[in-house]
Amino acid sequence: MKEALFYKKQDNNVVCEACYRNCFIQENQTGFCGVRKNIKGKLYSLVYNKPVAVHIDPIEKKPIFRYLEKTNTLSIGTMGCNFDCAFCQNYEISKIDQKEIFQEIITPETIVGLAKQNNCSSISYTYTEPTVFVEYALETMKLAKQNNLKNIWVTNGYMTDQVLEEISKYLDAVNVDLKGDKQFYLDVVNNIDLEKVKQNIKKIYKKGIHIEITNLLIEGYNTKKQQIEEIVEFIANISKEIPIHFTRCFPCYKLTNIKPTKIETIKQAKKIAEEKGLKHVFVGNV
């Protein structure tokens, strides 16, 4: 285990400051993500050096289409997540009992070594939410930089200012999920403040970090024209150069009763974005 970097003590309790949930965690309990635990008044990461997934991917799979094109990235992720999306595509690892946390130790040195051995240009922190394993990510990112490797986060964008400031020192590219409108985040993503995500998108762009946006379209949940326009206009007001990916959703996790997103819905979203002036519009899972 590794003592967490982002928390404050309150007697024997702690407040986690990794993400905007700011979980108040009593002794011997974990936060919402399930992988940050209060042990005797200190907060520890239960997944430090314990990735549950290590794969070589084309960078376009993240999806990152306008940065390091046609290169490979070494992707890593641990168990746990600070969101509870009803449509989660990786729920087998994002929602898991503590006793089942993957136990094989894979150090940052090993991760960087694997990236170099396999001619990867970057390391991606992905699959679940990297904010919940930020200590592991940070150590790997620092070492990656020393070895001329780029760092990429695939994230829900709900990290606190403290975390964003620290990772920004080593971060080269980000894909942020912008999932829907305010009500969608409250109802389908379990009481998340959309404005915090939007603020972080603006901050990442202002820092000069390459950013792309993914909008997973779920038929009947976030596919109204007005909902799509809201996302597109938000991005366009920052920069029309920011790439956006509209991706298709299939039945999964708590939303097994839905139908796969219609191809026509995806095409309509692409048309809306292009009509609003976005320069780089892509579709996925089609």
Protein backbone atom coordinates (compact mmCIF):
# COMPACT_ATOMS: atom_id res chain seq x y z
CA MET A 1 0.00 0.00 0.00
CA LYS A 2 1.01 3.60 -0.56
CA GLU A 3 -0.01 6.58 1.56
CA ALA A 4 -2.21 8.85 -0.51
CA LEU A 5 -0.96 12.25 -1.61
CA PHE A 6 -4.26 14.11 -1.64
CA TYR A 7 -6.19 14.09 1.63
CA LYS A 8 -6.60 15.86 4.93
CA LYS A 9 -7.06 14.46 8.42
CA GLN A 10 -9.98 15.06 10.75
CA ASP A 11 -9.10 13.26 13.99
CA ASN A 12 -9.15 9.56 12.98
CA ASN A 13 -11.23 10.33 9.91
CA VAL A 14 -9.94 11.60 6.57
CA VAL A 15 -11.30 13.59 3.64
CA CYS A 16 -10.02 12.38 0.29
CA GLU A 17 -9.09 15.24 -2.02
CA ALA A 18 -8.32 13.29 -5.19
CA CYS A 19 -11.67 13.99 -6.82
CA TYR A 20 -14.63 16.27 -6.25
CA ARG A 21 -16.57 13.63 -4.37
CA ASN A 22 -14.32 14.60 -1.42
CA CYS A 23 -15.26 11.44 0.42
CA PHE A 24 -15.36 11.64 4.21
CA ILE A 25 -13.83 8.30 5.20
CA GLN A 26 -14.01 6.82 8.66
CA GLU A 27 -11.36 4.47 10.02
CA ASN A 28 -11.10 1.12 8.20
CA GLN A 29 -13.47 2.33 5.45
CA THR A 30 -12.88 3.22 1.81
CA GLY A 31 -14.15 6.08 -0.29
CA PHE A 32 -16.70 5.75 -3.09
CA CYS A 33 -14.07 4.34 -5.47
CA GLY A 34 -13.35 1.41 -3.14
CA VAL A 35 -9.56 1.64 -3.49
CA ARG A 36 -8.60 4.49 -1.13
CA LYS A 37 -8.80 3.40 2.50
CA ASN A 38 -8.49 5.03 5.92
CA ILE A 39 -6.10 2.95 8.01
CA LYS A 40 -5.46 4.33 11.50
CA GLY A 41 -6.16 7.89 10.44
CA LYS A 42 -4.11 7.84 7.23
CA LEU A 43 -5.40 7.43 3.69
CA TYR A 44 -3.80 4.68 1.61
CA SER A 45 -4.05 3.61 -2.02
CA LEU A 46 -4.91 -0.10 -2.19
CA VAL A 47 -3.97 -0.33 -5.88
CA TYR A 48 -0.48 1.20 -5.92
CA ASN A 49 1.68 -0.95 -8.24
CA LYS A 50 -1.34 -3.22 -8.86
CA PRO A 51 -2.66 -2.76 -12.39
CA VAL A 52 -5.47 -5.09 -13.43
CA ALA A 53 -4.91 -4.38 -17.13
CA VAL A 54 -1.69 -3.81 -19.08
CA HIS A 55 -2.02 -3.79 -22.87
CA ILE A 56 -0.42 -2.39 -25.99
CA ASP A 57 -2.99 -0.40 -27.98
CA PRO A 58 -3.00 1.80 -31.04
CA ILE A 59 -3.33 5.33 -29.68
CA GLU A 60 -6.50 5.76 -31.75
CA LYS A 61 -8.23 3.25 -29.43
CA LYS A 62 -8.10 5.67 -26.48
CA PRO A 63 -9.48 7.47 -28.60
CA ILE A 64 -6.73 9.99 -29.45
CA PHE A 65 -6.78 10.80 -33.17
CA ARG A 66 -4.86 14.07 -33.45
CA TYR A 67 -1.74 13.37 -31.38
CA LEU A 68 1.05 10.85 -32.02
CA GLU A 69 -1.04 9.38 -34.84
CA LYS A 70 -0.37 5.78 -35.85
CA THR A 71 1.77 5.03 -32.79
CA ASN A 72 1.30 2.45 -30.05
CA THR A 73 0.64 3.29 -26.42
CA LEU A 74 1.11 1.09 -23.36
CA SER A 75 -2.22 1.21 -21.52
CA ILE A 76 -2.55 0.55 -17.81
CA GLY A 77 -5.42 0.69 -15.34
CA THR A 78 -6.24 -0.51 -11.84
CA MET A 79 -9.50 -1.48 -10.21
CA GLY A 80 -11.89 1.14 -8.85
CA CYS A 81 -13.72 4.22 -10.09
CA ASN A 82 -15.14 7.40 -8.61
CA PHE A 83 -18.18 7.32 -10.94
CA ASP A 84 -21.02 4.81 -11.06
CA CYS A 85 -22.17 5.11 -14.67
CA ALA A 86 -25.18 2.88 -15.28
CA PHE A 87 -23.74 2.14 -18.73
CA CYS A 88 -20.16 1.34 -17.62
CA GLN A 89 -18.26 -0.62 -20.26
CA ASN A 90 -15.56 -1.76 -17.79
CA TYR A 91 -17.71 -2.54 -14.76
CA GLU A 92 -15.88 -5.86 -14.15
CA ILE A 93 -12.88 -3.85 -12.96
CA SER A 94 -14.40 -0.50 -12.00
CA LYS A 95 -16.79 -2.14 -9.52
CA ILE A 96 -15.06 -4.86 -7.55
CA ASP A 97 -14.91 -6.16 -3.98
CA GLN A 98 -11.78 -5.11 -2.07
CA LYS A 99 -10.79 -8.71 -1.36
CA GLU A 100 -10.56 -9.29 -5.11
CA ILE A 101 -8.10 -6.45 -5.81
CA PHE A 102 -5.46 -7.72 -8.20
CA GLN A 103 -2.33 -8.59 -6.27
CA GLU A 104 0.48 -8.89 -8.84
CA ILE A 105 3.04 -6.13 -8.31
CA ILE A 106 4.06 -4.22 -11.45
CA THR A 107 6.23 -1.21 -10.64
CA PRO A 108 6.50 2.04 -12.61
CA GLU A 109 9.99 0.94 -13.64
CA THR A 110 8.54 -2.24 -15.14
CA ILE A 111 5.78 -0.32 -16.92
CA VAL A 112 8.25 2.09 -18.49
CA GLY A 113 10.49 -0.81 -19.44
CA LEU A 114 7.60 -2.59 -21.16
CA ALA A 115 6.71 0.56 -23.09
CA LYS A 116 10.26 0.93 -24.37
CA GLN A 117 10.69 -2.77 -25.18
CA ASN A 118 7.53 -2.69 -27.28
CA ASN A 119 8.34 0.54 -29.12
CA CYS A 120 5.46 2.47 -27.56
CA SER A 121 5.66 6.25 -27.81
CA SER A 122 3.47 6.83 -24.76
CA ILE A 123 1.84 5.41 -21.66
CA SER A 124 -1.93 5.75 -21.25
CA TYR A 125 -3.67 5.74 -17.87
CA THR A 126 -7.07 4.36 -18.77
CA TYR A 127 -9.72 1.60 -18.56
CA THR A 128 -11.01 2.85 -15.19
CA GLU A 129 -10.48 6.36 -13.79
CA PRO A 130 -6.79 7.25 -13.30
CA THR A 131 -7.67 9.77 -10.58
CA VAL A 132 -8.34 6.89 -8.17
CA PHE A 133 -4.82 5.51 -8.74
CA VAL A 134 -3.16 8.91 -9.06
CA GLU A 135 -0.18 8.03 -6.84
CA TYR A 136 0.74 5.08 -9.08
CA ALA A 137 0.06 7.15 -12.20
CA LEU A 138 2.24 10.03 -11.01
CA GLU A 139 5.25 7.88 -10.22
CA THR A 140 4.95 6.22 -13.62
CA MET A 141 4.48 9.57 -15.40
CA LYS A 142 7.62 11.04 -13.84
CA LEU A 143 9.69 8.05 -14.90
CA ALA A 144 8.12 8.07 -18.37
CA LYS A 145 9.20 11.68 -18.87
CA GLN A 146 12.77 10.79 -17.92
CA ASN A 147 12.65 8.14 -20.66
CA ASN A 148 11.21 10.39 -23.39
CA LEU A 149 7.77 8.78 -23.27
CA LYS A 150 4.55 10.81 -23.44
CA ASN A 151 1.77 10.52 -20.85
CA ILE A 152 -1.93 10.28 -21.73
CA TRP A 153 -4.95 10.26 -19.40
CA VAL A 154 -8.33 8.89 -20.43
CA THR A 155 -10.52 10.40 -17.75
CA ASN A 156 -13.96 11.47 -16.59
CA GLY A 157 -12.43 14.85 -15.71
CA TYR A 158 -13.56 14.96 -12.06
CA MET A 159 -10.14 15.38 -10.43
CA THR A 160 -9.59 18.24 -7.98
CA ASP A 161 -7.46 21.30 -8.72
CA GLN A 162 -4.67 19.84 -6.59
CA VAL A 163 -4.52 16.69 -8.67
CA LEU A 164 -4.83 18.52 -11.98
CA GLU A 165 -1.99 20.89 -11.07
CA GLU A 166 0.30 18.01 -10.14
CA ILE A 167 -0.39 15.73 -13.10
CA SER A 168 -0.20 18.66 -15.53
CA LYS A 169 3.55 18.83 -14.93
CA TYR A 170 3.93 15.50 -16.73
CA LEU A 171 0.80 15.25 -18.87
CA ASP A 172 0.91 15.48 -22.67
CA ALA A 173 -2.56 14.51 -23.86
CA VAL A 174 -6.02 13.82 -22.42
CA ASN A 175 -9.28 12.37 -23.59
CA VAL A 176 -12.15 13.54 -21.38
CA ASP A 177 -15.56 11.88 -21.36
CA LEU A 178 -18.25 14.56 -21.61
CA LYS A 179 -21.22 12.32 -21.09
CA GLY A 180 -24.33 14.47 -21.28
CA ASP A 181 -26.22 17.37 -19.75
CA LYS A 182 -26.64 18.30 -16.08
CA GLN A 183 -29.60 15.98 -15.50
CA PHE A 184 -27.81 13.08 -17.17
CA TYR A 185 -24.90 13.43 -14.75
CA LEU A 186 -27.23 13.56 -11.77
CA ASP A 187 -29.40 10.61 -12.78
CA VAL A 188 -27.25 8.24 -14.85
CA VAL A 189 -23.76 8.96 -13.48
CA ASN A 190 -24.84 9.02 -9.82
CA ASN A 191 -25.01 12.60 -8.61
CA ILE A 192 -22.00 14.19 -10.33
CA ASP A 193 -21.59 17.95 -10.78
CA LEU A 194 -21.18 18.50 -14.54
CA GLU A 195 -19.78 22.01 -14.04
CA LYS A 196 -16.68 20.59 -12.34
CA VAL A 197 -16.00 18.47 -15.42
CA LYS A 198 -16.48 21.45 -17.73
CA GLN A 199 -14.19 23.63 -15.62
CA ASN A 200 -11.45 21.01 -15.84
CA ILE A 201 -11.80 20.74 -19.61
CA LYS A 202 -11.26 24.51 -19.86
CA LYS A 203 -8.27 24.36 -17.51
CA ILE A 204 -6.62 21.50 -19.42
CA TYR A 205 -7.01 23.39 -22.70
CA LYS A 206 -5.56 26.58 -21.22
CA LYS A 207 -2.54 24.65 -19.98
CA GLY A 208 -1.72 23.74 -23.58
CA ILE A 209 -2.22 20.01 -23.03
CA HIS A 210 -3.61 18.24 -26.09
CA ILE A 211 -7.27 17.44 -25.38
CA GLU A 212 -9.94 15.41 -27.13
CA ILE A 213 -13.53 14.79 -26.02
CA THR A 214 -15.61 11.61 -26.13
CA ASN A 215 -19.41 11.64 -25.99
CA LEU A 216 -20.88 8.15 -25.64
CA LEU A 217 -24.38 8.40 -27.06
CA ILE A 218 -26.99 6.26 -25.31
CA GLU A 219 -30.26 5.98 -27.19
CA GLY A 220 -33.02 7.78 -25.29
CA TYR A 221 -30.75 9.11 -22.54
CA ASN A 222 -28.47 11.76 -24.04
CA THR A 223 -29.38 11.72 -27.73
CA LYS A 224 -31.82 14.63 -28.03
CA LYS A 225 -30.68 17.28 -30.45
CA GLN A 226 -30.62 19.89 -27.68
CA GLN A 227 -28.37 17.69 -25.51
CA ILE A 228 -25.89 17.15 -28.33
CA GLU A 229 -25.93 20.83 -29.25
CA GLU A 230 -25.15 21.79 -25.65
CA ILE A 231 -21.98 19.69 -25.67
CA VAL A 232 -20.92 20.84 -29.12
CA GLU A 233 -21.45 24.53 -28.31
CA PHE A 234 -19.50 24.19 -25.07
CA ILE A 235 -16.52 22.75 -26.97
CA ALA A 236 -16.81 25.24 -29.83
CA ASN A 237 -16.69 28.13 -27.36
CA ILE A 238 -13.32 26.86 -26.10
CA SER A 239 -11.86 25.96 -29.49
CA LYS A 240 -13.25 24.55 -32.70
CA GLU A 241 -9.95 22.68 -33.08
CA ILE A 242 -10.73 20.32 -30.17
CA PRO A 243 -11.51 16.85 -31.59
CA ILE A 244 -14.77 15.20 -30.53
CA HIS A 245 -15.63 11.51 -30.76
CA PHE A 246 -19.27 10.41 -30.84
CA THR A 247 -19.35 6.74 -29.90
CA ARG A 248 -22.04 4.11 -29.99
CA CYS A 249 -23.28 2.42 -26.81
CA PHE A 250 -24.37 -1.20 -26.40
CA PRO A 251 -26.36 -2.79 -23.54
CA CYS A 252 -24.12 -3.17 -20.49
CA TYR A 253 -23.96 -3.20 -16.66
CA LYS A 254 -27.21 -1.63 -15.33
CA LEU A 255 -28.52 -0.66 -18.78
CA THR A 256 -28.98 -4.10 -20.28
CA ASN A 257 -32.47 -3.19 -21.46
CA ILE A 258 -31.36 -0.49 -23.90
CA LYS A 259 -30.95 -0.92 -27.63
CA PRO A 260 -27.62 -0.21 -29.34
CA THR A 261 -27.38 3.42 -30.39
CA LYS A 262 -28.78 3.92 -33.88
CA ILE A 263 -26.25 4.64 -36.59
CA GLU A 264 -28.57 7.49 -37.65
CA THR A 265 -28.17 9.04 -34.19
CA ILE A 266 -24.39 8.97 -34.47
CA LYS A 267 -24.52 10.50 -37.96
CA GLN A 268 -26.87 13.24 -36.75
CA ALA A 269 -24.48 14.12 -33.89
CA LYS A 270 -21.59 14.33 -36.35
CA LYS A 271 -23.65 16.60 -38.60
CA ILE A 272 -24.57 18.91 -35.70
CA ALA A 273 -20.93 19.23 -34.63
CA GLU A 274 -19.73 19.99 -38.14
CA GLU A 275 -22.50 22.55 -38.68
CA LYS A 276 -21.41 24.27 -35.45
CA GLY A 277 -17.92 24.56 -36.89
CA LEU A 278 -15.98 21.83 -35.08
CA LYS A 279 -13.02 20.89 -37.27
CA HIS A 280 -12.30 17.33 -36.12
CA VAL A 281 -15.40 15.16 -35.65
CA PHE A 282 -15.12 11.38 -35.41
CA VAL A 283 -17.47 8.47 -34.82
CA GLY A 284 -16.70 5.23 -32.97
CA ASN A 285 -18.09 1.76 -32.20
CA VAL A 286 -19.89 1.71 -35.56
